[in-house]
Amino acid sequence: MKAIQSNKQFNELVNSGKPFVLDFYADWCGPCQTLLPTVEKLADEYKGDVEILKVNVDQHQELASKFQVRSIPAIFFIKGNTITDKLKGLTTENNLRTKIESLKAFAA
């Protein structure tokens, strides 16, 4: 699973027009670490259809601020410049899968 390394990388993602998911997390966040294996599994599963990336809020405060992330984990479902959905806090694999499927349908 890829991690956002720069604002330039984020802007390229937006401009690509492909659907993507951003998982805002921190290494010290217990719920984030609990959710990580599920997010990584879905990133592998949806590879090629939906890009799923992690964003470390400690390293990318500007991006976290842009999305008004106040608590983590926070997951945003995005197509182009449009946030189609978001989740805050710990969630289930089924809930994540449903949101990703909706994003895929939105992007089609």
PDB file of N, CA and C in Angstrom:
ATOM      1  N   MET A   1       0.846  -1.184   0.000  1.00  0.00           N
ATOM      2  CA  MET A   1       0.000   0.000   0.000  1.00  0.00           C
ATOM      3  C   MET A   1       0.884   1.236   0.000  1.00  0.00           C
ATOM      4  N   LYS A   2       0.573   2.143  -0.914  1.00  0.00           N
ATOM      5  CA  LYS A   2       1.377   3.354  -1.047  1.00  0.00           C
ATOM      6  C   LYS A   2       0.999   4.393   0.005  1.00  0.00           C
ATOM      7  N   ALA A   3       1.942   5.264   0.265  1.00  0.00           N
ATOM      8  CA  ALA A   3       1.701   6.400   1.154  1.00  0.00           C
ATOM      9  C   ALA A   3       1.924   7.684   0.361  1.00  0.00           C
ATOM     10  N   ILE A   4       1.139   8.687   0.646  1.00  0.00           N
ATOM     11  CA  ILE A   4       1.328   9.998   0.013  1.00  0.00           C
ATOM     12  C   ILE A   4       2.629  10.581   0.561  1.00  0.00           C
ATOM     13  N   GLN A   5       3.509  10.986  -0.328  1.00  0.00           N
ATOM     14  CA  GLN A   5       4.806  11.521   0.082  1.00  0.00           C
ATOM     15  C   GLN A   5       4.896  13.036  -0.078  1.00  0.00           C
ATOM     16  N   SER A   6       4.004  13.614  -0.918  1.00  0.00           N
ATOM     17  CA  SER A   6       4.108  15.049  -1.178  1.00  0.00           C
ATOM     18  C   SER A   6       2.781  15.603  -1.693  1.00  0.00           C
ATOM     19  N   ASN A   7       2.659  16.922  -1.633  1.00  0.00           N
ATOM     20  CA  ASN A   7       1.480  17.578  -2.204  1.00  0.00           C
ATOM     21  C   ASN A   7       1.439  17.376  -3.715  1.00  0.00           C
ATOM     22  N   LYS A   8       2.621  17.336  -4.337  1.00  0.00           N
ATOM     23  CA  LYS A   8       2.700  17.117  -5.780  1.00  0.00           C
ATOM     24  C   LYS A   8       2.075  15.764  -6.140  1.00  0.00           C
ATOM     25  N   GLN A   9       2.407  14.740  -5.371  1.00  0.00           N
ATOM     26  CA  GLN A   9       1.847  13.402  -5.611  1.00  0.00           C
ATOM     27  C   GLN A   9       0.330  13.433  -5.449  1.00  0.00           C
ATOM     28  N   PHE A  10      -0.157  14.132  -4.424  1.00  0.00           N
ATOM     29  CA  PHE A  10      -1.600  14.250  -4.214  1.00  0.00           C
ATOM     30  C   PHE A  10      -2.254  14.944  -5.408  1.00  0.00           C
ATOM     31  N   ASN A  11      -1.671  16.041  -5.871  1.00  0.00           N
ATOM     32  CA  ASN A  11      -2.238  16.786  -7.002  1.00  0.00           C
ATOM     33  C   ASN A  11      -2.261  15.941  -8.272  1.00  0.00           C
ATOM     34  N   GLU A  12      -1.231  15.126  -8.480  1.00  0.00           N
ATOM     35  CA  GLU A  12      -1.207  14.232  -9.646  1.00  0.00           C
ATOM     36  C   GLU A  12      -2.350  13.220  -9.573  1.00  0.00           C
ATOM     37  N   LEU A  13      -2.616  12.732  -8.363  1.00  0.00           N
ATOM     38  CA  LEU A  13      -3.724  11.794  -8.158  1.00  0.00           C
ATOM     39  C   LEU A  13      -5.050  12.441  -8.537  1.00  0.00           C
ATOM     40  N   VAL A  14      -5.267  13.646  -8.042  1.00  0.00           N
ATOM     41  CA  VAL A  14      -6.511  14.373  -8.323  1.00  0.00           C
ATOM     42  C   VAL A  14      -6.649  14.584  -9.829  1.00  0.00           C
ATOM     43  N   ASN A  15      -5.564  15.006 -10.476  1.00  0.00           N
ATOM     44  CA  ASN A  15      -5.602  15.306 -11.906  1.00  0.00           C
ATOM     45  C   ASN A  15      -5.728  14.071 -12.778  1.00  0.00           C
ATOM     46  N   SER A  16      -5.397  12.895 -12.225  1.00  0.00           N
ATOM     47  CA  SER A  16      -5.487  11.657 -13.008  1.00  0.00           C
ATOM     48  C   SER A  16      -6.941  11.301 -13.324  1.00  0.00           C
ATOM     49  N   GLY A  17      -7.866  11.787 -12.494  1.00  0.00           N
ATOM     50  CA  GLY A  17      -9.278  11.489 -12.712  1.00  0.00           C
ATOM     51  C   GLY A  17      -9.698  10.122 -12.198  1.00  0.00           C
ATOM     52  N   LYS A  18      -8.733   9.329 -11.727  1.00  0.00           N
ATOM     53  CA  LYS A  18      -9.059   7.997 -11.198  1.00  0.00           C
ATOM     54  C   LYS A  18      -9.643   8.125  -9.793  1.00  0.00           C
ATOM     55  N   PRO A  19     -10.511   7.186  -9.411  1.00  0.00           N
ATOM     56  CA  PRO A  19     -11.018   7.203  -8.042  1.00  0.00           C
ATOM     57  C   PRO A  19      -9.923   6.767  -7.070  1.00  0.00           C
ATOM     58  N   PHE A  20      -9.891   7.400  -5.902  1.00  0.00           N
ATOM     59  CA  PHE A  20      -8.906   7.008  -4.904  1.00  0.00           C
ATOM     60  C   PHE A  20      -9.448   7.206  -3.498  1.00  0.00           C
ATOM     61  N   VAL A  21      -8.785   6.542  -2.565  1.00  0.00           N
ATOM     62  CA  VAL A  21      -9.168   6.584  -1.157  1.00  0.00           C
ATOM     63  C   VAL A  21      -7.952   7.044  -0.366  1.00  0.00           C
ATOM     64  N   LEU A  22      -8.155   7.999   0.536  1.00  0.00           N
ATOM     65  CA  LEU A  22      -7.084   8.445   1.419  1.00  0.00           C
ATOM     66  C   LEU A  22      -7.407   8.008   2.841  1.00  0.00           C
ATOM     67  N   ASP A  23      -6.465   7.328   3.460  1.00  0.00           N
ATOM     68  CA  ASP A  23      -6.587   6.890   4.848  1.00  0.00           C
ATOM     69  C   ASP A  23      -5.637   7.745   5.685  1.00  0.00           C
ATOM     70  N   PHE A  24      -6.189   8.722   6.413  1.00  0.00           N
ATOM     71  CA  PHE A  24      -5.389   9.572   7.291  1.00  0.00           C
ATOM     72  C   PHE A  24      -5.155   8.823   8.602  1.00  0.00           C
ATOM     73  N   TYR A  25      -3.891   8.699   8.995  1.00  0.00           N
ATOM     74  CA  TYR A  25      -3.524   7.901  10.163  1.00  0.00           C
ATOM     75  C   TYR A  25      -2.304   8.508  10.854  1.00  0.00           C
ATOM     76  N   ALA A  26      -1.930   7.922  11.987  1.00  0.00           N
ATOM     77  CA  ALA A  26      -0.670   8.233  12.663  1.00  0.00           C
ATOM     78  C   ALA A  26      -0.139   6.938  13.263  1.00  0.00           C
ATOM     79  N   ASP A  27       1.176   6.842  13.352  1.00  0.00           N
ATOM     80  CA  ASP A  27       1.806   5.627  13.897  1.00  0.00           C
ATOM     81  C   ASP A  27       1.413   5.378  15.351  1.00  0.00           C
ATOM     82  N   TRP A  28       1.132   6.434  16.101  1.00  0.00           N
ATOM     83  CA  TRP A  28       0.811   6.318  17.529  1.00  0.00           C
ATOM     84  C   TRP A  28      -0.675   6.053  17.794  1.00  0.00           C
ATOM     85  N   CYS A  29      -1.486   6.008  16.736  1.00  0.00           N
ATOM     86  CA  CYS A  29      -2.947   5.884  16.862  1.00  0.00           C
ATOM     87  C   CYS A  29      -3.356   4.401  16.888  1.00  0.00           C
ATOM     88  N   GLY A  30      -3.855   3.937  18.037  1.00  0.00           N
ATOM     89  CA  GLY A  30      -4.278   2.545  18.185  1.00  0.00           C
ATOM     90  C   GLY A  30      -5.337   2.111  17.185  1.00  0.00           C
ATOM     91  N   PRO A  31      -6.458   2.854  17.068  1.00  0.00           N
ATOM     92  CA  PRO A  31      -7.486   2.473  16.089  1.00  0.00           C
ATOM     93  C   PRO A  31      -6.955   2.455  14.647  1.00  0.00           C
ATOM     94  N   CYS A  32      -6.012   3.358  14.340  1.00  0.00           N
ATOM     95  CA  CYS A  32      -5.421   3.385  12.992  1.00  0.00           C
ATOM     96  C   CYS A  32      -4.662   2.089  12.729  1.00  0.00           C
ATOM     97  N   GLN A  33      -3.895   1.642  13.729  1.00  0.00           N
ATOM     98  CA  GLN A  33      -3.117   0.410  13.583  1.00  0.00           C
ATOM     99  C   GLN A  33      -4.033  -0.811  13.490  1.00  0.00           C
ATOM    100  N   THR A  34      -5.166  -0.772  14.185  1.00  0.00           N
ATOM    101  CA  THR A  34      -6.145  -1.856  14.123  1.00  0.00           C
ATOM    102  C   THR A  34      -6.746  -1.952  12.722  1.00  0.00           C
ATOM    103  N   LEU A  35      -6.991  -0.805  12.101  1.00  0.00           N
ATOM    104  CA  LEU A  35      -7.638  -0.738  10.786  1.00  0.00           C
ATOM    105  C   LEU A  35      -6.670  -1.032   9.638  1.00  0.00           C
ATOM    106  N   LEU A  36      -5.385  -0.800   9.858  1.00  0.00           N
ATOM    107  CA  LEU A  36      -4.388  -0.894   8.793  1.00  0.00           C
ATOM    108  C   LEU A  36      -4.388  -2.212   8.018  1.00  0.00           C
ATOM    109  N   PRO A  37      -4.417  -3.386   8.664  1.00  0.00           N
ATOM    110  CA  PRO A  37      -4.417  -4.637   7.879  1.00  0.00           C
ATOM    111  C   PRO A  37      -5.623  -4.745   6.942  1.00  0.00           C
ATOM    112  N   THR A  38      -6.769  -4.262   7.370  1.00  0.00           N
ATOM    113  CA  THR A  38      -7.973  -4.294   6.527  1.00  0.00           C
ATOM    114  C   THR A  38      -7.801  -3.373   5.333  1.00  0.00           C
ATOM    115  N   VAL A  39      -7.296  -2.180   5.575  1.00  0.00           N
ATOM    116  CA  VAL A  39      -7.094  -1.204   4.485  1.00  0.00           C
ATOM    117  C   VAL A  39      -6.059  -1.747   3.493  1.00  0.00           C
ATOM    118  N   GLU A  40      -4.988  -2.354   4.006  1.00  0.00           N
ATOM    119  CA  GLU A  40      -3.965  -2.918   3.111  1.00  0.00           C
ATOM    120  C   GLU A  40      -4.531  -4.063   2.275  1.00  0.00           C
ATOM    121  N   LYS A  41      -5.351  -4.899   2.872  1.00  0.00           N
ATOM    122  CA  LYS A  41      -5.985  -6.010   2.157  1.00  0.00           C
ATOM    123  C   LYS A  41      -6.859  -5.466   1.015  1.00  0.00           C
ATOM    124  N   LEU A  42      -7.658  -4.440   1.309  1.00  0.00           N
ATOM    125  CA  LEU A  42      -8.533  -3.857   0.290  1.00  0.00           C
ATOM    126  C   LEU A  42      -7.725  -3.129  -0.790  1.00  0.00           C
ATOM    127  N   ALA A  43      -6.602  -2.542  -0.411  1.00  0.00           N
ATOM    128  CA  ALA A  43      -5.732  -1.877  -1.396  1.00  0.00           C
ATOM    129  C   ALA A  43      -5.231  -2.890  -2.421  1.00  0.00           C
ATOM    130  N   ASP A  44      -4.867  -4.088  -1.955  1.00  0.00           N
ATOM    131  CA  ASP A  44      -4.428  -5.144  -2.870  1.00  0.00           C
ATOM    132  C   ASP A  44      -5.582  -5.627  -3.741  1.00  0.00           C
ATOM    133  N   GLU A  45      -6.726  -5.805  -3.101  1.00  0.00           N
ATOM    134  CA  GLU A  45      -7.906  -6.318  -3.796  1.00  0.00           C
ATOM    135  C   GLU A  45      -8.391  -5.389  -4.911  1.00  0.00           C
ATOM    136  N   TYR A  46      -8.367  -4.100  -4.656  1.00  0.00           N
ATOM    137  CA  TYR A  46      -8.917  -3.123  -5.603  1.00  0.00           C
ATOM    138  C   TYR A  46      -7.850  -2.482  -6.486  1.00  0.00           C
ATOM    139  N   LYS A  47      -6.627  -2.989  -6.412  1.00  0.00           N
ATOM    140  CA  LYS A  47      -5.535  -2.452  -7.229  1.00  0.00           C
ATOM    141  C   LYS A  47      -5.957  -2.428  -8.697  1.00  0.00           C
ATOM    142  N   GLY A  48      -5.734  -1.304  -9.348  1.00  0.00           N
ATOM    143  CA  GLY A  48      -6.120  -1.169 -10.751  1.00  0.00           C
ATOM    144  C   GLY A  48      -7.477  -0.500 -10.922  1.00  0.00           C
ATOM    145  N   ASP A  49      -8.359  -0.657  -9.933  1.00  0.00           N
ATOM    146  CA  ASP A  49      -9.681  -0.029  -9.998  1.00  0.00           C
ATOM    147  C   ASP A  49      -9.744   1.245  -9.161  1.00  0.00           C
ATOM    148  N   VAL A  50      -9.282   1.122  -7.925  1.00  0.00           N
ATOM    149  CA  VAL A  50      -9.304   2.246  -6.987  1.00  0.00           C
ATOM    150  C   VAL A  50      -7.966   2.276  -6.263  1.00  0.00           C
ATOM    151  N   GLU A  51      -7.310   3.417  -6.300  1.00  0.00           N
ATOM    152  CA  GLU A  51      -6.033   3.586  -5.591  1.00  0.00           C
ATOM    153  C   GLU A  51      -6.333   3.889  -4.123  1.00  0.00           C
ATOM    154  N   ILE A  52      -5.715   3.139  -3.225  1.00  0.00           N
ATOM    155  CA  ILE A  52      -5.906   3.372  -1.790  1.00  0.00           C
ATOM    156  C   ILE A  52      -4.547   3.741  -1.199  1.00  0.00           C
ATOM    157  N   LEU A  53      -4.493   4.930  -0.582  1.00  0.00           N
ATOM    158  CA  LEU A  53      -3.231   5.434  -0.063  1.00  0.00           C
ATOM    159  C   LEU A  53      -3.347   5.882   1.380  1.00  0.00           C
ATOM    160  N   LYS A  54      -2.227   5.813   2.102  1.00  0.00           N
ATOM    161  CA  LYS A  54      -2.178   6.273   3.483  1.00  0.00           C
ATOM    162  C   LYS A  54      -1.595   7.686   3.509  1.00  0.00           C
ATOM    163  N   VAL A  55      -2.055   8.473   4.486  1.00  0.00           N
ATOM    164  CA  VAL A  55      -1.508   9.813   4.693  1.00  0.00           C
ATOM    165  C   VAL A  55      -1.193   9.943   6.182  1.00  0.00           C
ATOM    166  N   ASN A  56       0.077  10.071   6.506  1.00  0.00           N
ATOM    167  CA  ASN A  56       0.496  10.246   7.894  1.00  0.00           C
ATOM    168  C   ASN A  56       0.238  11.701   8.289  1.00  0.00           C
ATOM    169  N   VAL A  57      -0.656  11.908   9.257  1.00  0.00           N
ATOM    170  CA  VAL A  57      -1.054  13.274   9.626  1.00  0.00           C
ATOM    171  C   VAL A  57       0.089  14.046  10.279  1.00  0.00           C
ATOM    172  N   ASP A  58       1.043  13.342  10.879  1.00  0.00           N
ATOM    173  CA  ASP A  58       2.177  14.029  11.497  1.00  0.00           C
ATOM    174  C   ASP A  58       3.148  14.546  10.439  1.00  0.00           C
ATOM    175  N   GLN A  59       3.273  13.832   9.336  1.00  0.00           N
ATOM    176  CA  GLN A  59       4.200  14.221   8.273  1.00  0.00           C
ATOM    177  C   GLN A  59       3.547  15.160   7.249  1.00  0.00           C
ATOM    178  N   HIS A  60       2.231  15.093   7.132  1.00  0.00           N
ATOM    179  CA  HIS A  60       1.529  15.876   6.100  1.00  0.00           C
ATOM    180  C   HIS A  60       0.390  16.683   6.724  1.00  0.00           C
ATOM    181  N   GLN A  61       0.767  17.577   7.636  1.00  0.00           N
ATOM    182  CA  GLN A  61      -0.220  18.377   8.359  1.00  0.00           C
ATOM    183  C   GLN A  61      -1.012  19.286   7.427  1.00  0.00           C
ATOM    184  N   GLU A  62      -0.364  19.771   6.365  1.00  0.00           N
ATOM    185  CA  GLU A  62      -1.040  20.656   5.417  1.00  0.00           C
ATOM    186  C   GLU A  62      -2.195  19.929   4.712  1.00  0.00           C
ATOM    187  N   LEU A  63      -1.942  18.695   4.295  1.00  0.00           N
ATOM    188  CA  LEU A  63      -2.976  17.892   3.630  1.00  0.00           C
ATOM    189  C   LEU A  63      -4.093  17.522   4.613  1.00  0.00           C
ATOM    190  N   ALA A  64      -3.715  17.161   5.832  1.00  0.00           N
ATOM    191  CA  ALA A  64      -4.712  16.850   6.858  1.00  0.00           C
ATOM    192  C   ALA A  64      -5.578  18.070   7.133  1.00  0.00           C
ATOM    193  N   SER A  65      -4.973  19.234   7.144  1.00  0.00           N
ATOM    194  CA  SER A  65      -5.702  20.482   7.375  1.00  0.00           C
ATOM    195  C   SER A  65      -6.650  20.772   6.206  1.00  0.00           C
ATOM    196  N   LYS A  66      -6.179  20.534   4.997  1.00  0.00           N
ATOM    197  CA  LYS A  66      -6.999  20.758   3.799  1.00  0.00           C
ATOM    198  C   LYS A  66      -8.291  19.924   3.854  1.00  0.00           C
ATOM    199  N   PHE A  67      -8.183  18.712   4.406  1.00  0.00           N
ATOM    200  CA  PHE A  67      -9.351  17.836   4.525  1.00  0.00           C
ATOM    201  C   PHE A  67     -10.065  17.989   5.873  1.00  0.00           C
ATOM    202  N   GLN A  68      -9.602  18.948   6.658  1.00  0.00           N
ATOM    203  CA  GLN A  68     -10.199  19.233   7.969  1.00  0.00           C
ATOM    204  C   GLN A  68     -10.255  17.982   8.852  1.00  0.00           C
ATOM    205  N   VAL A  69      -9.161  17.222   8.847  1.00  0.00           N
ATOM    206  CA  VAL A  69      -9.076  16.027   9.678  1.00  0.00           C
ATOM    207  C   VAL A  69      -8.859  16.459  11.122  1.00  0.00           C
ATOM    208  N   ARG A  70      -9.809  16.144  11.972  1.00  0.00           N
ATOM    209  CA  ARG A  70      -9.735  16.507  13.393  1.00  0.00           C
ATOM    210  C   ARG A  70      -9.506  15.279  14.276  1.00  0.00           C
ATOM    211  N   SER A  71      -9.896  14.106  13.763  1.00  0.00           N
ATOM    212  CA  SER A  71      -9.660  12.862  14.495  1.00  0.00           C
ATOM    213  C   SER A  71      -9.312  11.772  13.480  1.00  0.00           C
ATOM    214  N   ILE A  72      -8.581  10.788  13.943  1.00  0.00           N
ATOM    215  CA  ILE A  72      -8.145   9.710  13.062  1.00  0.00           C
ATOM    216  C   ILE A  72      -8.497   8.370  13.687  1.00  0.00           C
ATOM    217  N   PRO A  73      -8.645   7.325  12.894  1.00  0.00           N
ATOM    218  CA  PRO A  73      -8.523   7.334  11.434  1.00  0.00           C
ATOM    219  C   PRO A  73      -9.668   8.096  10.766  1.00  0.00           C
ATOM    220  N   ALA A  74      -9.335   8.697   9.632  1.00  0.00           N
ATOM    221  CA  ALA A  74     -10.319   9.380   8.792  1.00  0.00           C
ATOM    222  C   ALA A  74     -10.063   8.924   7.358  1.00  0.00           C
ATOM    223  N   ILE A  75     -11.101   8.440   6.714  1.00  0.00           N
ATOM    224  CA  ILE A  75     -10.954   7.878   5.368  1.00  0.00           C
ATOM    225  C   ILE A  75     -11.852   8.655   4.412  1.00  0.00           C
ATOM    226  N   PHE A  76     -11.240   9.131   3.312  1.00  0.00           N
ATOM    227  CA  PHE A  76     -11.963   9.917   2.320  1.00  0.00           C
ATOM    228  C   PHE A  76     -11.983   9.163   0.995  1.00  0.00           C
ATOM    229  N   PHE A  77     -13.146   9.153   0.362  1.00  0.00           N
ATOM    230  CA  PHE A  77     -13.363   8.499  -0.930  1.00  0.00           C
ATOM    231  C   PHE A  77     -13.502   9.608  -1.958  1.00  0.00           C
ATOM    232  N   ILE A  78     -12.600   9.621  -2.965  1.00  0.00           N
ATOM    233  CA  ILE A  78     -12.473  10.786  -3.836  1.00  0.00           C
ATOM    234  C   ILE A  78     -12.440  10.386  -5.305  1.00  0.00           C
ATOM    235  N   LYS A  79     -13.109  11.172  -6.121  1.00  0.00           N
ATOM    236  CA  LYS A  79     -13.040  11.043  -7.583  1.00  0.00           C
ATOM    237  C   LYS A  79     -12.757  12.426  -8.117  1.00  0.00           C
ATOM    238  N   GLY A  80     -11.586  12.601  -8.751  1.00  0.00           N
ATOM    239  CA  GLY A  80     -11.195  13.917  -9.240  1.00  0.00           C
ATOM    240  C   GLY A  80     -11.055  14.874  -8.072  1.00  0.00           C
ATOM    241  N   ASN A  81     -11.831  15.931  -8.094  1.00  0.00           N
ATOM    242  CA  ASN A  81     -11.769  16.934  -7.034  1.00  0.00           C
ATOM    243  C   ASN A  81     -12.968  16.823  -6.097  1.00  0.00           C
ATOM    244  N   THR A  82     -13.700  15.701  -6.180  1.00  0.00           N
ATOM    245  CA  THR A  82     -14.937  15.537  -5.420  1.00  0.00           C
ATOM    246  C   THR A  82     -14.805  14.462  -4.352  1.00  0.00           C
ATOM    247  N   ILE A  83     -15.097  14.826  -3.117  1.00  0.00           N
ATOM    248  CA  ILE A  83     -15.158  13.839  -2.039  1.00  0.00           C
ATOM    249  C   ILE A  83     -16.546  13.218  -2.117  1.00  0.00           C
ATOM    250  N   THR A  84     -16.605  11.934  -2.443  1.00  0.00           N
ATOM    251  CA  THR A  84     -17.901  11.274  -2.611  1.00  0.00           C
ATOM    252  C   THR A  84     -18.439  10.730  -1.292  1.00  0.00           C
ATOM    253  N   ASP A  85     -17.507  10.468  -0.339  1.00  0.00           N
ATOM    254  CA  ASP A  85     -17.929   9.931   0.953  1.00  0.00           C
ATOM    255  C   ASP A  85     -16.756  10.021   1.915  1.00  0.00           C
ATOM    256  N   LYS A  86     -17.029   9.824   3.221  1.00  0.00           N
ATOM    257  CA  LYS A  86     -15.950   9.776   4.202  1.00  0.00           C
ATOM    258  C   LYS A  86     -16.382   8.966   5.413  1.00  0.00           C
ATOM    259  N   LEU A  87     -15.397   8.444   6.100  1.00  0.00           N
ATOM    260  CA  LEU A  87     -15.613   7.682   7.332  1.00  0.00           C
ATOM    261  C   LEU A  87     -14.669   8.219   8.387  1.00  0.00           C
ATOM    262  N   LYS A  88     -15.145   8.296   9.613  1.00  0.00           N
ATOM    263  CA  LYS A  88     -14.272   8.716  10.712  1.00  0.00           C
ATOM    264  C   LYS A  88     -14.311   7.654  11.794  1.00  0.00           C
ATOM    265  N   GLY A  89     -13.138   7.337  12.336  1.00  0.00           N
ATOM    266  CA  GLY A  89     -13.047   6.345  13.392  1.00  0.00           C
ATOM    267  C   GLY A  89     -12.921   4.940  12.827  1.00  0.00           C
ATOM    268  N   LEU A  90     -12.841   4.003  13.738  1.00  0.00           N
ATOM    269  CA  LEU A  90     -12.706   2.596  13.382  1.00  0.00           C
ATOM    270  C   LEU A  90     -13.980   2.115  12.681  1.00  0.00           C
ATOM    271  N   THR A  91     -13.812   1.328  11.635  1.00  0.00           N
ATOM    272  CA  THR A  91     -14.956   0.831  10.878  1.00  0.00           C
ATOM    273  C   THR A  91     -14.714  -0.618  10.479  1.00  0.00           C
ATOM    274  N   THR A  92     -15.733  -1.254   9.926  1.00  0.00           N
ATOM    275  CA  THR A  92     -15.621  -2.662   9.542  1.00  0.00           C
ATOM    276  C   THR A  92     -15.146  -2.808   8.097  1.00  0.00           C
ATOM    277  N   GLU A  93     -14.648  -3.987   7.784  1.00  0.00           N
ATOM    278  CA  GLU A  93     -14.234  -4.279   6.412  1.00  0.00           C
ATOM    279  C   GLU A  93     -15.426  -4.170   5.469  1.00  0.00           C
ATOM    280  N   ASN A  94     -16.576  -4.690   5.879  1.00  0.00           N
ATOM    281  CA  ASN A  94     -17.772  -4.621   5.029  1.00  0.00           C
ATOM    282  C   ASN A  94     -18.164  -3.185   4.721  1.00  0.00           C
ATOM    283  N   ASN A  95     -18.093  -2.325   5.735  1.00  0.00           N
ATOM    284  CA  ASN A  95     -18.438  -0.919   5.532  1.00  0.00           C
ATOM    285  C   ASN A  95     -17.462  -0.272   4.541  1.00  0.00           C
ATOM    286  N   LEU A  96     -16.181  -0.533   4.710  1.00  0.00           N
ATOM    287  CA  LEU A  96     -15.179   0.005   3.784  1.00  0.00           C
ATOM    288  C   LEU A  96     -15.405  -0.511   2.369  1.00  0.00           C
ATOM    289  N   ARG A  97     -15.652  -1.809   2.255  1.00  0.00           N
ATOM    290  CA  ARG A  97     -15.881  -2.428   0.943  1.00  0.00           C
ATOM    291  C   ARG A  97     -17.094  -1.789   0.248  1.00  0.00           C
ATOM    292  N   THR A  98     -18.163  -1.560   0.984  1.00  0.00           N
ATOM    293  CA  THR A  98     -19.370  -0.938   0.428  1.00  0.00           C
ATOM    294  C   THR A  98     -19.061   0.457  -0.108  1.00  0.00           C
ATOM    295  N   LYS A  99     -18.296   1.230   0.668  1.00  0.00           N
ATOM    296  CA  LYS A  99     -17.938   2.600   0.253  1.00  0.00           C
ATOM    297  C   LYS A  99     -17.045   2.576  -0.985  1.00  0.00           C
ATOM    298  N   ILE A 100     -16.111   1.625  -1.049  1.00  0.00           N
ATOM    299  CA  ILE A 100     -15.217   1.523  -2.208  1.00  0.00           C
ATOM    300  C   ILE A 100     -16.014   1.116  -3.448  1.00  0.00           C
ATOM    301  N   GLU A 101     -16.932   0.184  -3.287  1.00  0.00           N
ATOM    302  CA  GLU A 101     -17.787  -0.227  -4.411  1.00  0.00           C
ATOM    303  C   GLU A 101     -18.622   0.960  -4.921  1.00  0.00           C
ATOM    304  N   SER A 102     -19.142   1.763  -4.007  1.00  0.00           N
ATOM    305  CA  SER A 102     -19.908   2.955  -4.392  1.00  0.00           C
ATOM    306  C   SER A 102     -19.026   3.930  -5.156  1.00  0.00           C
ATOM    307  N   LEU A 103     -17.779   4.085  -4.707  1.00  0.00           N
ATOM    308  CA  LEU A 103     -16.831   4.978  -5.384  1.00  0.00           C
ATOM    309  C   LEU A 103     -16.542   4.464  -6.796  1.00  0.00           C
ATOM    310  N   LYS A 104     -16.347   3.153  -6.910  1.00  0.00           N
ATOM    311  CA  LYS A 104     -16.122   2.557  -8.240  1.00  0.00           C
ATOM    312  C   LYS A 104     -17.302   2.833  -9.164  1.00  0.00           C
ATOM    313  N   ALA A 105     -18.531   2.674  -8.637  1.00  0.00           N
ATOM    314  CA  ALA A 105     -19.739   2.908  -9.437  1.00  0.00           C
ATOM    315  C   ALA A 105     -19.842   4.383  -9.825  1.00  0.00           C
ATOM    316  N   PHE A 106     -19.499   5.266  -8.894  1.00  0.00           N
ATOM    317  CA  PHE A 106     -19.519   6.710  -9.150  1.00  0.00           C
ATOM    318  C   PHE A 106     -18.530   7.075 -10.251  1.00  0.00           C
ATOM    319  N   ALA A 107     -17.399   6.377 -10.255  1.00  0.00           N
ATOM    320  CA  ALA A 107     -16.329   6.686 -11.196  1.00  0.00           C
ATOM    321  C   ALA A 107     -16.575   6.108 -12.582  1.00  0.00           C
ATOM    322  N   ALA A 108     -17.452   5.109 -12.662  1.00  0.00           N
ATOM    323  CA  ALA A 108     -17.671   4.415 -13.949  1.00  0.00           C
ATOM    324  C   ALA A 108     -18.396   5.292 -14.959  1.00  0.00           C
TER     325      ALA A 108
END
